[in-house]
Amino acid sequence: MNRATTQRTWENDRVLLDQAYSPGLYVPDLAYHLDEYAARSALARRTLRWEEISYGPSYAEALHFFPAVAGSTSAARSSAGHAPRSPYSAHPGTPLLIFIHGGYWRDPSRWESSFAAAEFVRAGAAFAALGYGPAPEFRLDDIVAQVRRGVLWLYRHAAELGVDPGQIFLAGASAGAQLAAMCLVDDWLPITLRVRDVIRGVCLVSGVYELETLRHSYLGEAFGLTAAEAARNSPLRHVFRAANRAHRAHQPGAGLPPLVLASGDRETVAFAAQHEWYEAALRQAGAHVTSLVAAARHHFDLPLGLGDPATSLGRATLAQLGVGPGPDLGLGPNQRSAGVAHRR
């Protein structure tokens, strides 16, 4: 008698599932890339004007803000009173890019997340590295609420920061892309605001958008992630709900701002699938999506090109903000480059 056998895949085998959600296993020089995030962020703080600002009640709710116009080096200044200590010059139309770090909601932190600040400041944009509380100390619901609070704080204080409140963009990598995508759900904003009022565009890099498969991995066990938490915090599950509301309100693009959805062609099978699932849902809902898969890039080197015009991701992000590469600020060239395969 022939026995039917089930082929082992990352979706039905725990060992393969854990490996699929462990992209660092496949990057021999992982330590080098992690060091790059820290080194570039430290260099930006040494060279550019910046400020640490508290945006919420917990110790973890803080961000690093870099104004659009480069100035002299200044020490970190804590604004515990939830307002910048000194006003910045207003420049009409100045955009702000808010970057949300990944690391499976644990580490790195805001201190390693300003690696692209110099490139955006050079291009004429302000930059903010948004910090949040680490898991499992904070539940995922709490982390999402913190990030949303930070985004809304920056919107409300944009004028004080020299930023156009109508030109705020989000970017996130890995788990940070999940958090940025959760800001596209409109039930968290005051009734007078819509997502597109607060967020002009979004760049999501190598994200996790459906958390149910991840819940069954070692990460779900480590965080104690429940089925209900995974459902509430899976951006993919909110796409059609948002689209239905937008349709009733006659809002274009599913009520969502334009999105750049990016990943590397060397991602693990789980992250490649996450990209495909979310892209399909967004397109079916009628959202405006630019999808790119960067050639010869993996989970850890792709985000380093976020603001680099020599990379496909950098060009897409700078174009979304409506800015271009500016003069050299003396921070040294970014040597990385990437090709791209577009999916339409």
C-alpha atoms as a PDB file:
ATOM      1  CA  MET A   1       0.000   0.000   0.000  1.00  0.00           C
ATOM      2  CA  ASN A   2       1.324   3.411  -0.944  1.00  0.00           C
ATOM      3  CA  ARG A   3       1.278   5.931   1.818  1.00  0.00           C
ATOM      4  CA  ALA A   4       0.580   9.490   0.924  1.00  0.00           C
ATOM      5  CA  THR A   5       3.291  11.717   2.278  1.00  0.00           C
ATOM      6  CA  THR A   6       3.102  15.427   2.948  1.00  0.00           C
ATOM      7  CA  GLN A   7       6.004  17.429   1.662  1.00  0.00           C
ATOM      8  CA  ARG A   8       7.787  19.386   4.360  1.00  0.00           C
ATOM      9  CA  THR A   9       7.521  23.152   3.847  1.00  0.00           C
ATOM     10  CA  TRP A  10       8.203  26.170   6.012  1.00  0.00           C
ATOM     11  CA  GLU A  11       4.450  26.475   6.608  1.00  0.00           C
ATOM     12  CA  ASN A  12       3.915  22.963   7.985  1.00  0.00           C
ATOM     13  CA  ASP A  13       7.262  22.080   9.584  1.00  0.00           C
ATOM     14  CA  ARG A  14       8.384  23.783  12.785  1.00  0.00           C
ATOM     15  CA  VAL A  15      12.105  23.500  12.072  1.00  0.00           C
ATOM     16  CA  LEU A  16      11.726  25.023   8.602  1.00  0.00           C
ATOM     17  CA  LEU A  17       9.340  27.662   9.976  1.00  0.00           C
ATOM     18  CA  ASP A  18      11.855  28.786  12.588  1.00  0.00           C
ATOM     19  CA  GLN A  19      14.574  28.945   9.952  1.00  0.00           C
ATOM     20  CA  ALA A  20      12.351  30.941   7.581  1.00  0.00           C
ATOM     21  CA  TYR A  21      11.852  33.586  10.267  1.00  0.00           C
ATOM     22  CA  SER A  22      15.579  33.677  11.117  1.00  0.00           C
ATOM     23  CA  PRO A  23      17.110  35.689   8.263  1.00  0.00           C
ATOM     24  CA  GLY A  24      20.369  36.142  10.142  1.00  0.00           C
ATOM     25  CA  LEU A  25      21.127  32.447   9.674  1.00  0.00           C
ATOM     26  CA  TYR A  26      21.770  33.077   5.988  1.00  0.00           C
ATOM     27  CA  VAL A  27      23.979  36.173   6.262  1.00  0.00           C
ATOM     28  CA  PRO A  28      27.600  35.203   7.032  1.00  0.00           C
ATOM     29  CA  ASP A  29      28.657  38.804   7.675  1.00  0.00           C
ATOM     30  CA  LEU A  30      25.647  39.653   9.856  1.00  0.00           C
ATOM     31  CA  ALA A  31      27.790  41.298  12.541  1.00  0.00           C
ATOM     32  CA  TYR A  32      29.274  43.674   9.973  1.00  0.00           C
ATOM     33  CA  HIS A  33      25.838  44.901   8.885  1.00  0.00           C
ATOM     34  CA  LEU A  34      24.619  45.358  12.459  1.00  0.00           C
ATOM     35  CA  ASP A  35      27.782  47.319  13.218  1.00  0.00           C
ATOM     36  CA  GLU A  36      27.080  49.506  10.178  1.00  0.00           C
ATOM     37  CA  TYR A  37      23.687  50.529  11.556  1.00  0.00           C
ATOM     38  CA  ALA A  38      25.292  51.565  14.837  1.00  0.00           C
ATOM     39  CA  ALA A  39      28.333  53.255  13.298  1.00  0.00           C
ATOM     40  CA  ARG A  40      26.392  55.319  10.755  1.00  0.00           C
ATOM     41  CA  SER A  41      23.873  56.357  13.401  1.00  0.00           C
ATOM     42  CA  ALA A  42      26.629  57.460  15.780  1.00  0.00           C
ATOM     43  CA  LEU A  43      28.318  59.377  12.968  1.00  0.00           C
ATOM     44  CA  ALA A  44      25.097  61.221  12.178  1.00  0.00           C
ATOM     45  CA  ARG A  45      24.725  62.262  15.806  1.00  0.00           C
ATOM     46  CA  ARG A  46      28.319  63.486  15.927  1.00  0.00           C
ATOM     47  CA  THR A  47      28.039  65.483  12.735  1.00  0.00           C
ATOM     48  CA  LEU A  48      24.462  66.759  12.445  1.00  0.00           C
ATOM     49  CA  ARG A  49      22.266  68.840  14.679  1.00  0.00           C
ATOM     50  CA  TRP A  50      19.871  66.521  16.488  1.00  0.00           C
ATOM     51  CA  GLU A  51      17.645  66.284  19.512  1.00  0.00           C
ATOM     52  CA  GLU A  52      16.205  63.494  21.641  1.00  0.00           C
ATOM     53  CA  ILE A  53      12.511  64.116  22.259  1.00  0.00           C
ATOM     54  CA  SER A  54      10.129  62.285  24.551  1.00  0.00           C
ATOM     55  CA  TYR A  55       6.760  61.778  22.867  1.00  0.00           C
ATOM     56  CA  GLY A  56       4.864  59.687  25.426  1.00  0.00           C
ATOM     57  CA  PRO A  57       4.578  58.659  29.067  1.00  0.00           C
ATOM     58  CA  SER A  58       6.860  55.600  29.175  1.00  0.00           C
ATOM     59  CA  TYR A  59      10.656  55.649  29.315  1.00  0.00           C
ATOM     60  CA  ALA A  60      10.815  53.982  25.895  1.00  0.00           C
ATOM     61  CA  GLU A  61       8.724  56.578  24.041  1.00  0.00           C
ATOM     62  CA  ALA A  62      11.488  58.767  22.659  1.00  0.00           C
ATOM     63  CA  LEU A  63      12.773  59.711  19.235  1.00  0.00           C
ATOM     64  CA  HIS A  64      15.874  61.224  17.689  1.00  0.00           C
ATOM     65  CA  PHE A  65      15.048  64.201  15.485  1.00  0.00           C
ATOM     66  CA  PHE A  66      17.364  65.657  12.826  1.00  0.00           C
ATOM     67  CA  PRO A  67      16.170  68.946  11.299  1.00  0.00           C
ATOM     68  CA  ALA A  68      16.273  69.411   7.562  1.00  0.00           C
ATOM     69  CA  VAL A  69      19.017  72.021   7.527  1.00  0.00           C
ATOM     70  CA  ALA A  70      22.394  70.725   8.631  1.00  0.00           C
ATOM     71  CA  GLY A  71      23.961  72.703  11.434  1.00  0.00           C
ATOM     72  CA  SER A  72      26.863  72.434  13.789  1.00  0.00           C
ATOM     73  CA  THR A  73      27.307  69.449  16.031  1.00  0.00           C
ATOM     74  CA  SER A  74      25.257  69.614  19.216  1.00  0.00           C
ATOM     75  CA  ALA A  75      24.858  67.312  22.165  1.00  0.00           C
ATOM     76  CA  ALA A  76      21.674  65.362  22.748  1.00  0.00           C
ATOM     77  CA  ARG A  77      19.017  67.444  24.398  1.00  0.00           C
ATOM     78  CA  SER A  78      16.243  65.660  26.206  1.00  0.00           C
ATOM     79  CA  SER A  79      12.845  67.278  25.838  1.00  0.00           C
ATOM     80  CA  ALA A  80      11.050  65.607  28.701  1.00  0.00           C
ATOM     81  CA  GLY A  81       8.325  68.240  28.482  1.00  0.00           C
ATOM     82  CA  HIS A  82       7.155  66.733  25.175  1.00  0.00           C
ATOM     83  CA  ALA A  83       8.169  69.759  23.124  1.00  0.00           C
ATOM     84  CA  PRO A  84      11.373  70.663  21.312  1.00  0.00           C
ATOM     85  CA  ARG A  85      13.542  72.852  23.508  1.00  0.00           C
ATOM     86  CA  SER A  86      14.346  75.321  20.735  1.00  0.00           C
ATOM     87  CA  PRO A  87      12.308  76.058  17.599  1.00  0.00           C
ATOM     88  CA  TYR A  88      13.632  75.241  14.157  1.00  0.00           C
ATOM     89  CA  SER A  89      13.450  77.482  11.114  1.00  0.00           C
ATOM     90  CA  ALA A  90      10.374  76.790   9.039  1.00  0.00           C
ATOM     91  CA  HIS A  91      10.866  75.936   5.400  1.00  0.00           C
ATOM     92  CA  PRO A  92       7.653  75.606   3.384  1.00  0.00           C
ATOM     93  CA  GLY A  93       7.207  72.127   1.993  1.00  0.00           C
ATOM     94  CA  THR A  94       9.991  70.544   4.074  1.00  0.00           C
ATOM     95  CA  PRO A  95       9.271  66.796   4.334  1.00  0.00           C
ATOM     96  CA  LEU A  96       9.934  64.555   7.304  1.00  0.00           C
ATOM     97  CA  LEU A  97      10.828  60.882   7.114  1.00  0.00           C
ATOM     98  CA  ILE A  98      10.001  58.901  10.255  1.00  0.00           C
ATOM     99  CA  PHE A  99      11.954  55.644  10.433  1.00  0.00           C
ATOM    100  CA  ILE A 100      10.742  52.744  12.599  1.00  0.00           C
ATOM    101  CA  HIS A 101      13.326  50.087  13.376  1.00  0.00           C
ATOM    102  CA  GLY A 102      12.829  46.326  13.319  1.00  0.00           C
ATOM    103  CA  GLY A 103      14.607  43.579  15.231  1.00  0.00           C
ATOM    104  CA  TYR A 104      11.419  41.639  16.052  1.00  0.00           C
ATOM    105  CA  TRP A 105      10.207  44.462  18.315  1.00  0.00           C
ATOM    106  CA  ARG A 106      13.272  44.073  20.582  1.00  0.00           C
ATOM    107  CA  ASP A 107      16.537  45.445  19.256  1.00  0.00           C
ATOM    108  CA  PRO A 108      18.200  47.433  17.808  1.00  0.00           C
ATOM    109  CA  SER A 109      16.786  50.673  19.190  1.00  0.00           C
ATOM    110  CA  ARG A 110      16.475  54.305  18.166  1.00  0.00           C
ATOM    111  CA  TRP A 111      20.205  54.622  18.898  1.00  0.00           C
ATOM    112  CA  GLU A 112      21.045  52.412  15.896  1.00  0.00           C
ATOM    113  CA  SER A 113      18.283  53.770  13.636  1.00  0.00           C
ATOM    114  CA  SER A 114      19.668  57.082  12.356  1.00  0.00           C
ATOM    115  CA  PHE A 115      21.896  55.388   9.778  1.00  0.00           C
ATOM    116  CA  ALA A 116      20.078  57.143   6.909  1.00  0.00           C
ATOM    117  CA  ALA A 117      19.680  60.539   8.596  1.00  0.00           C
ATOM    118  CA  ALA A 118      22.580  62.209   6.779  1.00  0.00           C
ATOM    119  CA  GLU A 119      21.299  61.256   3.334  1.00  0.00           C
ATOM    120  CA  PHE A 120      17.831  62.654   3.989  1.00  0.00           C
ATOM    121  CA  VAL A 121      19.158  65.837   5.593  1.00  0.00           C
ATOM    122  CA  ARG A 122      21.493  66.231   2.627  1.00  0.00           C
ATOM    123  CA  ALA A 123      18.459  65.940   0.326  1.00  0.00           C
ATOM    124  CA  GLY A 124      16.526  68.641   2.209  1.00  0.00           C
ATOM    125  CA  ALA A 125      14.322  66.485   4.427  1.00  0.00           C
ATOM    126  CA  ALA A 126      14.103  66.147   8.192  1.00  0.00           C
ATOM    127  CA  PHE A 127      14.570  62.715   9.752  1.00  0.00           C
ATOM    128  CA  ALA A 128      13.262  61.077  12.909  1.00  0.00           C
ATOM    129  CA  ALA A 129      14.282  57.700  14.348  1.00  0.00           C
ATOM    130  CA  LEU A 130      11.276  56.599  16.382  1.00  0.00           C
ATOM    131  CA  GLY A 131      11.910  54.445  19.438  1.00  0.00           C
ATOM    132  CA  TYR A 132       9.424  52.191  21.212  1.00  0.00           C
ATOM    133  CA  GLY A 133       9.288  49.737  24.102  1.00  0.00           C
ATOM    134  CA  PRO A 134      10.883  46.330  23.573  1.00  0.00           C
ATOM    135  CA  ALA A 135       9.043  43.012  23.574  1.00  0.00           C
ATOM    136  CA  PRO A 136       8.269  41.020  25.615  1.00  0.00           C
ATOM    137  CA  GLU A 137       8.398  43.753  28.280  1.00  0.00           C
ATOM    138  CA  PHE A 138       5.701  45.497  26.245  1.00  0.00           C
ATOM    139  CA  ARG A 139       2.907  43.607  24.511  1.00  0.00           C
ATOM    140  CA  LEU A 140       2.534  44.078  20.770  1.00  0.00           C
ATOM    141  CA  ASP A 141      -0.693  46.055  21.230  1.00  0.00           C
ATOM    142  CA  ASP A 142       1.225  48.476  23.451  1.00  0.00           C
ATOM    143  CA  ILE A 143       4.095  48.803  20.973  1.00  0.00           C
ATOM    144  CA  VAL A 144       1.707  49.601  18.126  1.00  0.00           C
ATOM    145  CA  ALA A 145       0.008  52.217  20.316  1.00  0.00           C
ATOM    146  CA  GLN A 146       3.365  53.775  21.165  1.00  0.00           C
ATOM    147  CA  VAL A 147       4.413  54.096  17.532  1.00  0.00           C
ATOM    148  CA  ARG A 148       1.082  55.621  16.589  1.00  0.00           C
ATOM    149  CA  ARG A 149       1.445  58.078  19.474  1.00  0.00           C
ATOM    150  CA  GLY A 150       4.881  59.060  18.205  1.00  0.00           C
ATOM    151  CA  VAL A 151       3.653  59.622  14.652  1.00  0.00           C
ATOM    152  CA  LEU A 152       0.747  61.748  15.849  1.00  0.00           C
ATOM    153  CA  TRP A 153       3.075  63.736  18.142  1.00  0.00           C
ATOM    154  CA  LEU A 154       5.330  64.569  15.211  1.00  0.00           C
ATOM    155  CA  TYR A 155       2.335  65.584  13.091  1.00  0.00           C
ATOM    156  CA  ARG A 156       1.018  67.911  15.796  1.00  0.00           C
ATOM    157  CA  HIS A 157       4.455  69.452  16.447  1.00  0.00           C
ATOM    158  CA  ALA A 158       5.572  69.590  12.820  1.00  0.00           C
ATOM    159  CA  ALA A 159       5.539  73.384  12.598  1.00  0.00           C
ATOM    160  CA  GLU A 160       7.750  73.714  15.687  1.00  0.00           C
ATOM    161  CA  LEU A 161      10.193  71.296  14.084  1.00  0.00           C
ATOM    162  CA  GLY A 162      10.367  73.235  10.818  1.00  0.00           C
ATOM    163  CA  VAL A 163       8.434  70.524   8.972  1.00  0.00           C
ATOM    164  CA  ASP A 164       5.385  70.741   6.710  1.00  0.00           C
ATOM    165  CA  PRO A 165       2.647  68.697   8.464  1.00  0.00           C
ATOM    166  CA  GLY A 166       1.310  67.724   5.055  1.00  0.00           C
ATOM    167  CA  GLN A 167       4.655  66.178   4.089  1.00  0.00           C
ATOM    168  CA  ILE A 168       5.197  63.441   6.676  1.00  0.00           C
ATOM    169  CA  PHE A 169       6.346  60.040   5.424  1.00  0.00           C
ATOM    170  CA  LEU A 170       6.871  56.740   7.220  1.00  0.00           C
ATOM    171  CA  ALA A 171       9.455  54.039   6.632  1.00  0.00           C
ATOM    172  CA  GLY A 172      10.030  50.823   8.508  1.00  0.00           C
ATOM    173  CA  ALA A 173      12.131  47.707   8.131  1.00  0.00           C
ATOM    174  CA  SER A 174      11.239  44.158   9.168  1.00  0.00           C
ATOM    175  CA  ALA A 175       9.086  44.413  12.315  1.00  0.00           C
ATOM    176  CA  GLY A 176       9.290  48.181  11.848  1.00  0.00           C
ATOM    177  CA  ALA A 177       7.471  47.775   8.537  1.00  0.00           C
ATOM    178  CA  GLN A 178       4.678  45.973  10.400  1.00  0.00           C
ATOM    179  CA  LEU A 179       4.469  48.884  12.847  1.00  0.00           C
ATOM    180  CA  ALA A 180       4.465  51.465  10.048  1.00  0.00           C
ATOM    181  CA  ALA A 181       1.737  49.521   8.229  1.00  0.00           C
ATOM    182  CA  MET A 182      -0.355  49.462  11.409  1.00  0.00           C
ATOM    183  CA  CYS A 183      -0.362  53.267  11.237  1.00  0.00           C
ATOM    184  CA  LEU A 184      -2.355  52.951   8.008  1.00  0.00           C
ATOM    185  CA  VAL A 185      -5.349  51.658   9.959  1.00  0.00           C
ATOM    186  CA  ASP A 186      -7.569  54.692  10.460  1.00  0.00           C
ATOM    187  CA  ASP A 187      -9.350  53.766  13.711  1.00  0.00           C
ATOM    188  CA  TRP A 188      -6.533  55.144  15.896  1.00  0.00           C
ATOM    189  CA  LEU A 189      -6.717  58.764  14.797  1.00  0.00           C
ATOM    190  CA  PRO A 190      -8.923  61.529  16.187  1.00  0.00           C
ATOM    191  CA  ILE A 191     -12.249  61.644  14.389  1.00  0.00           C
ATOM    192  CA  THR A 192     -11.257  64.829  12.535  1.00  0.00           C
ATOM    193  CA  LEU A 193      -8.224  63.199  10.898  1.00  0.00           C
ATOM    194  CA  ARG A 194      -7.750  60.525   8.260  1.00  0.00           C
ATOM    195  CA  VAL A 195      -4.634  58.506   7.560  1.00  0.00           C
ATOM    196  CA  ARG A 196      -3.829  60.498   4.450  1.00  0.00           C
ATOM    197  CA  ASP A 197      -4.027  63.742   6.439  1.00  0.00           C
ATOM    198  CA  VAL A 198      -1.212  62.582   8.697  1.00  0.00           C
ATOM    199  CA  ILE A 199       0.854  60.304   6.456  1.00  0.00           C
ATOM    200  CA  ARG A 200       1.723  61.372   2.915  1.00  0.00           C
ATOM    201  CA  GLY A 201       3.532  58.173   1.872  1.00  0.00           C
ATOM    202  CA  VAL A 202       4.994  54.957   3.256  1.00  0.00           C
ATOM    203  CA  CYS A 203       8.046  52.820   2.477  1.00  0.00           C
ATOM    204  CA  LEU A 204       7.882  49.286   3.874  1.00  0.00           C
ATOM    205  CA  VAL A 205      11.042  47.180   3.719  1.00  0.00           C
ATOM    206  CA  SER A 206      11.156  43.399   4.268  1.00  0.00           C
ATOM    207  CA  GLY A 207       8.170  43.435   6.574  1.00  0.00           C
ATOM    208  CA  VAL A 208       5.917  40.969   8.369  1.00  0.00           C
ATOM    209  CA  TYR A 209       2.307  41.776   7.514  1.00  0.00           C
ATOM    210  CA  GLU A 210       0.488  38.581   8.534  1.00  0.00           C
ATOM    211  CA  LEU A 211       1.513  37.356  11.990  1.00  0.00           C
ATOM    212  CA  GLU A 212      -0.314  34.034  12.205  1.00  0.00           C
ATOM    213  CA  THR A 213       2.527  31.966  10.752  1.00  0.00           C
ATOM    214  CA  LEU A 214       5.053  33.823  12.887  1.00  0.00           C
ATOM    215  CA  ARG A 215       2.912  33.087  15.960  1.00  0.00           C
ATOM    216  CA  HIS A 216       3.680  29.376  15.559  1.00  0.00           C
ATOM    217  CA  SER A 217       7.446  29.950  15.431  1.00  0.00           C
ATOM    218  CA  TYR A 218       9.982  30.346  18.208  1.00  0.00           C
ATOM    219  CA  LEU A 219       9.174  34.062  18.222  1.00  0.00           C
ATOM    220  CA  GLY A 220       5.532  33.495  19.022  1.00  0.00           C
ATOM    221  CA  GLU A 221       6.566  31.295  21.912  1.00  0.00           C
ATOM    222  CA  ALA A 222       9.116  33.815  23.194  1.00  0.00           C
ATOM    223  CA  PHE A 223       6.559  36.646  23.151  1.00  0.00           C
ATOM    224  CA  GLY A 224       3.555  34.583  24.200  1.00  0.00           C
ATOM    225  CA  LEU A 225       1.818  35.937  21.097  1.00  0.00           C
ATOM    226  CA  THR A 226      -1.835  34.947  21.109  1.00  0.00           C
ATOM    227  CA  ALA A 227      -4.083  34.356  18.104  1.00  0.00           C
ATOM    228  CA  ALA A 228      -6.108  37.454  18.989  1.00  0.00           C
ATOM    229  CA  GLU A 229      -2.988  39.636  19.235  1.00  0.00           C
ATOM    230  CA  ALA A 230      -1.716  38.322  15.924  1.00  0.00           C
ATOM    231  CA  ALA A 231      -5.047  39.081  14.258  1.00  0.00           C
ATOM    232  CA  ARG A 232      -5.296  42.613  15.684  1.00  0.00           C
ATOM    233  CA  ASN A 233      -1.748  43.473  14.652  1.00  0.00           C
ATOM    234  CA  SER A 234      -1.564  41.900  11.194  1.00  0.00           C
ATOM    235  CA  PRO A 235      -1.695  44.800   8.709  1.00  0.00           C
ATOM    236  CA  LEU A 236      -2.828  42.502   5.910  1.00  0.00           C
ATOM    237  CA  ARG A 237      -6.088  41.768   7.732  1.00  0.00           C
ATOM    238  CA  HIS A 238      -6.970  45.455   7.883  1.00  0.00           C
ATOM    239  CA  VAL A 239      -6.509  46.221   4.178  1.00  0.00           C
ATOM    240  CA  PHE A 240      -9.993  45.352   2.931  1.00  0.00           C
ATOM    241  CA  ARG A 241     -11.681  46.874   5.965  1.00  0.00           C
ATOM    242  CA  ALA A 242      -9.901  50.145   5.209  1.00  0.00           C
ATOM    243  CA  ALA A 243     -10.768  49.829   1.518  1.00  0.00           C
ATOM    244  CA  ASN A 244     -14.462  49.359   2.286  1.00  0.00           C
ATOM    245  CA  ARG A 245     -14.516  52.434   4.514  1.00  0.00           C
ATOM    246  CA  ALA A 246     -12.658  54.444   1.879  1.00  0.00           C
ATOM    247  CA  HIS A 247     -15.082  53.332  -0.819  1.00  0.00           C
ATOM    248  CA  ARG A 248     -18.058  54.497   1.238  1.00  0.00           C
ATOM    249  CA  ALA A 249     -16.325  57.833   1.839  1.00  0.00           C
ATOM    250  CA  HIS A 250     -15.360  58.134  -1.876  1.00  0.00           C
ATOM    251  CA  GLN A 251     -11.654  58.193  -1.010  1.00  0.00           C
ATOM    252  CA  PRO A 252      -9.215  57.074  -3.729  1.00  0.00           C
ATOM    253  CA  GLY A 253      -6.481  54.462  -3.318  1.00  0.00           C
ATOM    254  CA  ALA A 254      -8.306  52.491  -0.602  1.00  0.00           C
ATOM    255  CA  GLY A 255      -7.934  55.551   1.609  1.00  0.00           C
ATOM    256  CA  LEU A 256      -4.223  54.811   1.888  1.00  0.00           C
ATOM    257  CA  PRO A 257      -1.248  56.988   0.952  1.00  0.00           C
ATOM    258  CA  PRO A 258       1.046  55.729  -1.832  1.00  0.00           C
ATOM    259  CA  LEU A 259       3.234  52.832  -0.732  1.00  0.00           C
ATOM    260  CA  VAL A 260       6.688  51.614  -1.693  1.00  0.00           C
ATOM    261  CA  LEU A 261       6.876  47.909  -0.853  1.00  0.00           C
ATOM    262  CA  ALA A 262      10.434  46.605  -0.969  1.00  0.00           C
ATOM    263  CA  SER A 263      12.372  43.436  -0.249  1.00  0.00           C
ATOM    264  CA  GLY A 264      15.618  41.841  -1.341  1.00  0.00           C
ATOM    265  CA  ASP A 265      15.880  38.925  -3.724  1.00  0.00           C
ATOM    266  CA  ARG A 266      17.904  37.098  -1.041  1.00  0.00           C
ATOM    267  CA  GLU A 267      15.205  37.170   1.614  1.00  0.00           C
ATOM    268  CA  THR A 268      14.144  33.942   3.298  1.00  0.00           C
ATOM    269  CA  VAL A 269      11.068  32.217   1.917  1.00  0.00           C
ATOM    270  CA  ALA A 270       8.906  33.599   4.747  1.00  0.00           C
ATOM    271  CA  PHE A 271       9.808  37.238   4.114  1.00  0.00           C
ATOM    272  CA  ALA A 272       9.431  36.809   0.348  1.00  0.00           C
ATOM    273  CA  ALA A 273       5.961  35.367   0.958  1.00  0.00           C
ATOM    274  CA  GLN A 274       5.037  38.204   3.330  1.00  0.00           C
ATOM    275  CA  HIS A 275       5.907  40.714   0.584  1.00  0.00           C
ATOM    276  CA  GLU A 276       3.802  38.848  -1.985  1.00  0.00           C
ATOM    277  CA  TRP A 277       0.804  38.422   0.333  1.00  0.00           C
ATOM    278  CA  TYR A 278       0.672  42.075   1.307  1.00  0.00           C
ATOM    279  CA  GLU A 279       1.248  43.325  -2.207  1.00  0.00           C
ATOM    280  CA  ALA A 280      -1.588  41.167  -3.532  1.00  0.00           C
ATOM    281  CA  ALA A 281      -3.984  42.411  -0.864  1.00  0.00           C
ATOM    282  CA  LEU A 282      -3.074  46.059  -1.417  1.00  0.00           C
ATOM    283  CA  ARG A 283      -3.482  45.812  -5.175  1.00  0.00           C
ATOM    284  CA  GLN A 284      -6.798  43.996  -4.877  1.00  0.00           C
ATOM    285  CA  ALA A 285      -8.013  46.746  -2.551  1.00  0.00           C
ATOM    286  CA  GLY A 286      -7.012  49.427  -5.078  1.00  0.00           C
ATOM    287  CA  ALA A 287      -4.075  50.941  -3.189  1.00  0.00           C
ATOM    288  CA  HIS A 288      -1.297  52.713  -5.065  1.00  0.00           C
ATOM    289  CA  VAL A 289       1.732  50.416  -4.681  1.00  0.00           C
ATOM    290  CA  THR A 290       5.244  50.523  -6.099  1.00  0.00           C
ATOM    291  CA  SER A 291       6.751  47.095  -5.518  1.00  0.00           C
ATOM    292  CA  LEU A 292      10.446  46.406  -5.905  1.00  0.00           C
ATOM    293  CA  VAL A 293      12.697  43.465  -5.244  1.00  0.00           C
ATOM    294  CA  ALA A 294      16.287  44.630  -4.994  1.00  0.00           C
ATOM    295  CA  ALA A 295      18.809  42.430  -6.759  1.00  0.00           C
ATOM    296  CA  ALA A 296      21.598  40.872  -4.682  1.00  0.00           C
ATOM    297  CA  ARG A 297      20.156  42.270  -1.448  1.00  0.00           C
ATOM    298  CA  HIS A 298      19.176  40.532   1.750  1.00  0.00           C
ATOM    299  CA  HIS A 299      17.269  41.368   4.905  1.00  0.00           C
ATOM    300  CA  PHE A 300      20.085  43.307   6.559  1.00  0.00           C
ATOM    301  CA  ASP A 301      21.887  45.200   3.802  1.00  0.00           C
ATOM    302  CA  LEU A 302      18.770  46.417   1.967  1.00  0.00           C
ATOM    303  CA  PRO A 303      17.658  48.977   4.620  1.00  0.00           C
ATOM    304  CA  LEU A 304      21.137  50.545   4.654  1.00  0.00           C
ATOM    305  CA  GLY A 305      20.314  51.980   1.225  1.00  0.00           C
ATOM    306  CA  LEU A 306      17.107  53.677   2.400  1.00  0.00           C
ATOM    307  CA  GLY A 307      18.284  57.179   1.516  1.00  0.00           C
ATOM    308  CA  ASP A 308      21.101  56.328  -0.884  1.00  0.00           C
ATOM    309  CA  PRO A 309      20.349  57.505  -4.460  1.00  0.00           C
ATOM    310  CA  ALA A 310      22.782  54.882  -5.755  1.00  0.00           C
ATOM    311  CA  THR A 311      20.332  52.142  -4.717  1.00  0.00           C
ATOM    312  CA  SER A 312      16.907  51.292  -6.071  1.00  0.00           C
ATOM    313  CA  LEU A 313      15.368  51.612  -2.618  1.00  0.00           C
ATOM    314  CA  GLY A 314      16.990  54.980  -2.021  1.00  0.00           C
ATOM    315  CA  ARG A 315      15.801  56.347  -5.360  1.00  0.00           C
ATOM    316  CA  ALA A 316      12.242  55.163  -4.688  1.00  0.00           C
ATOM    317  CA  THR A 317      12.172  56.657  -1.189  1.00  0.00           C
ATOM    318  CA  LEU A 318      13.688  60.001  -2.200  1.00  0.00           C
ATOM    319  CA  ALA A 319      11.274  60.214  -5.124  1.00  0.00           C
ATOM    320  CA  GLN A 320       8.341  59.565  -2.804  1.00  0.00           C
ATOM    321  CA  LEU A 321       9.453  62.483  -0.631  1.00  0.00           C
ATOM    322  CA  GLY A 322       9.945  64.643  -3.704  1.00  0.00           C
ATOM    323  CA  VAL A 323      13.585  65.366  -2.904  1.00  0.00           C
ATOM    324  CA  GLY A 324      16.868  64.487  -4.541  1.00  0.00           C
ATOM    325  CA  PRO A 325      20.427  63.922  -3.423  1.00  0.00           C
ATOM    326  CA  GLY A 326      21.967  67.066  -2.011  1.00  0.00           C
ATOM    327  CA  PRO A 327      25.499  68.305  -1.343  1.00  0.00           C
ATOM    328  CA  ASP A 328      27.964  66.148   0.561  1.00  0.00           C
ATOM    329  CA  LEU A 329      27.845  66.878   4.302  1.00  0.00           C
ATOM    330  CA  GLY A 330      31.255  65.381   4.890  1.00  0.00           C
ATOM    331  CA  LEU A 331      29.969  62.085   6.212  1.00  0.00           C
ATOM    332  CA  GLY A 332      31.690  59.913   3.617  1.00  0.00           C
ATOM    333  CA  PRO A 333      30.166  58.169   0.592  1.00  0.00           C
ATOM    334  CA  ASN A 334      27.845  55.220   0.838  1.00  0.00           C
ATOM    335  CA  GLN A 335      29.507  52.581  -1.299  1.00  0.00           C
ATOM    336  CA  ARG A 336      26.502  50.314  -1.642  1.00  0.00           C
ATOM    337  CA  SER A 337      24.421  49.983  -4.778  1.00  0.00           C
ATOM    338  CA  ALA A 338      21.641  47.694  -5.940  1.00  0.00           C
ATOM    339  CA  GLY A 339      19.795  46.657  -9.022  1.00  0.00           C
ATOM    340  CA  VAL A 340      16.045  46.144  -8.984  1.00  0.00           C
ATOM    341  CA  ALA A 341      13.388  43.924 -10.430  1.00  0.00           C
ATOM    342  CA  HIS A 342      10.060  45.727 -10.529  1.00  0.00           C
ATOM    343  CA  ARG A 343       6.779  43.883 -10.034  1.00  0.00           C
ATOM    344  CA  ARG A 344       3.638  45.506 -11.342  1.00  0.00           C
END
